C-alpha atoms as a PDB file:
ATOM      1  CA  MET A   1     -25.214   3.424 114.516  1.00  0.00           C
ATOM      2  CA  SER A   2     -23.887   0.983 111.759  1.00  0.00           C
ATOM      3  CA  SER A   3     -22.833  -1.994 112.950  1.00  0.00           C
ATOM      4  CA  GLN A   4     -20.858  -2.222 110.167  1.00  0.00           C
ATOM      5  CA  LEU A   5     -17.649  -3.952 110.038  1.00  0.00           C
ATOM      6  CA  VAL A   6     -14.682  -2.705 110.892  1.00  0.00           C
ATOM      7  CA  SER A   7     -10.829  -4.989 110.487  1.00  0.00           C
ATOM      8  CA  LEU A   8      -7.505  -3.453 112.590  1.00  0.00           C
ATOM      9  CA  LYS A   9      -3.927  -4.842 111.978  1.00  0.00           C
ATOM     10  CA  LEU A  10      -1.854  -4.137 114.940  1.00  0.00           C
ATOM     11  CA  GLN A  11       1.200  -5.923 115.799  1.00  0.00           C
ATOM     12  CA  VAL A  12       2.410  -8.338 118.217  1.00  0.00           C
ATOM     13  CA  ARG A  13       4.743  -6.742 120.592  1.00  0.00           C
ATOM     14  CA  PRO A  14       7.283  -8.992 122.050  1.00  0.00           C
ATOM     15  CA  ASN A  15       6.789  -8.047 126.035  1.00  0.00           C
ATOM     16  CA  ASP A  16       3.347  -8.754 125.196  1.00  0.00           C
ATOM     17  CA  LEU A  17       3.369 -12.579 125.443  1.00  0.00           C
ATOM     18  CA  ASP A  18       4.028 -14.194 128.635  1.00  0.00           C
ATOM     19  CA  SER A  19       6.667 -16.324 130.227  1.00  0.00           C
ATOM     20  CA  LEU A  20       5.426 -19.352 127.337  1.00  0.00           C
ATOM     21  CA  GLY A  21       6.352 -16.892 124.080  1.00  0.00           C
ATOM     22  CA  HIS A  22       2.403 -16.443 123.497  1.00  0.00           C
ATOM     23  CA  VAL A  23       0.269 -12.776 123.898  1.00  0.00           C
ATOM     24  CA  ASN A  24      -0.756 -13.010 127.643  1.00  0.00           C
ATOM     25  CA  ASN A  25      -3.947 -13.522 128.065  1.00  0.00           C
ATOM     26  CA  ALA A  26      -5.024  -9.195 129.854  1.00  0.00           C
ATOM     27  CA  THR A  27      -3.615  -7.976 127.324  1.00  0.00           C
ATOM     28  CA  VAL A  28      -6.163  -9.673 123.838  1.00  0.00           C
ATOM     29  CA  LEU A  29      -8.386  -7.709 126.142  1.00  0.00           C
ATOM     30  CA  GLU A  30      -6.494  -4.523 125.572  1.00  0.00           C
ATOM     31  CA  TYR A  31      -6.195  -5.871 122.124  1.00  0.00           C
ATOM     32  CA  LEU A  32     -10.463  -6.120 121.336  1.00  0.00           C
ATOM     33  CA  GLU A  33     -10.440  -2.479 123.521  1.00  0.00           C
ATOM     34  CA  THR A  34      -8.409  -0.923 121.045  1.00  0.00           C
ATOM     35  CA  GLY A  35      -9.797  -2.291 118.071  1.00  0.00           C
ATOM     36  CA  ARG A  36     -13.509  -0.319 119.097  1.00  0.00           C
ATOM     37  CA  TRP A  37     -11.648   2.474 119.387  1.00  0.00           C
ATOM     38  CA  ASP A  38     -11.097   2.301 115.853  1.00  0.00           C
ATOM     39  CA  TRP A  39     -14.324   1.250 115.406  1.00  0.00           C
ATOM     40  CA  LEU A  40     -15.441   4.625 116.868  1.00  0.00           C
ATOM     41  CA  LYS A  41     -13.462   6.473 115.345  1.00  0.00           C
ATOM     42  CA  GLN A  42     -14.329   4.481 112.077  1.00  0.00           C
ATOM     43  CA  HIS A  43     -18.065   5.979 112.571  1.00  0.00           C
ATOM     44  CA  ASN A  44     -17.071   8.905 113.276  1.00  0.00           C
ATOM     45  CA  ILE A  45     -18.289   8.323 116.923  1.00  0.00           C
ATOM     46  CA  ASN A  46     -17.284  11.017 119.676  1.00  0.00           C
ATOM     47  CA  ILE A  47     -17.691   9.763 123.513  1.00  0.00           C
ATOM     48  CA  LYS A  48     -18.554  13.048 124.527  1.00  0.00           C
ATOM     49  CA  GLN A  49     -21.784  12.315 122.380  1.00  0.00           C
ATOM     50  CA  LYS A  50     -24.563  11.742 124.637  1.00  0.00           C
ATOM     51  CA  ILE A  51     -25.157   7.875 123.167  1.00  0.00           C
ATOM     52  CA  VAL A  52     -22.289   5.833 123.061  1.00  0.00           C
ATOM     53  CA  PRO A  53     -21.861   1.970 122.024  1.00  0.00           C
ATOM     54  CA  VAL A  54     -20.118   0.542 124.915  1.00  0.00           C
ATOM     55  CA  VAL A  55     -18.624  -3.033 126.666  1.00  0.00           C
ATOM     56  CA  ALA A  56     -21.093  -4.717 128.642  1.00  0.00           C
ATOM     57  CA  ARG A  57     -20.236  -7.687 128.737  1.00  0.00           C
ATOM     58  CA  ILE A  58     -16.855  -9.748 127.819  1.00  0.00           C
ATOM     59  CA  GLU A  59     -16.405 -13.057 127.474  1.00  0.00           C
ATOM     60  CA  VAL A  60     -13.246 -14.985 125.619  1.00  0.00           C
ATOM     61  CA  ASN A  61     -13.211 -18.376 124.658  1.00  0.00           C
ATOM     62  CA  TYR A  62      -9.405 -18.726 124.182  1.00  0.00           C
ATOM     63  CA  ARG A  63      -9.032 -21.831 121.271  1.00  0.00           C
ATOM     64  CA  LYS A  64      -5.532 -21.426 120.459  1.00  0.00           C
ATOM     65  CA  GLU A  65      -2.349 -19.180 121.312  1.00  0.00           C
ATOM     66  CA  ILE A  66      -1.673 -16.033 119.526  1.00  0.00           C
ATOM     67  CA  LEU A  67       2.014 -15.640 119.536  1.00  0.00           C
ATOM     68  CA  LEU A  68       4.492 -13.318 117.705  1.00  0.00           C
ATOM     69  CA  GLU A  69       2.792 -12.268 114.584  1.00  0.00           C
ATOM     70  CA  ASP A  70       0.508  -9.693 113.878  1.00  0.00           C
ATOM     71  CA  VAL A  71      -3.300  -9.565 114.265  1.00  0.00           C
ATOM     72  CA  ILE A  72      -6.804  -8.775 113.209  1.00  0.00           C
ATOM     73  CA  VAL A  73      -9.195  -7.643 115.439  1.00  0.00           C
ATOM     74  CA  ASN A  74     -12.290  -7.629 114.016  1.00  0.00           C
ATOM     75  CA  THR A  75     -15.774  -5.469 115.459  1.00  0.00           C
ATOM     76  CA  LYS A  76     -19.179  -5.017 115.028  1.00  0.00           C
ATOM     77  CA  LEU A  77     -22.117  -4.060 116.351  1.00  0.00           C
ATOM     78  CA  THR A  78     -24.115  -6.513 117.238  1.00  0.00           C
END
């Protein structure tokens, strides 16, 4: 399987924000999952195949808040 980087631009929606005006932590995980699905699509990987890359573990270090703007999700198989 290719380890090629795939970039996906997502628009932050107002309902993604918490009461402080930045993206909710759980929504960030949804963005990452959207990036994973786009990576699968870009590499023509069907989830019905015998071997499919899966997420076994996620560790997120939140370095700064994501505000109401576009966000880029970069996905790469490692």
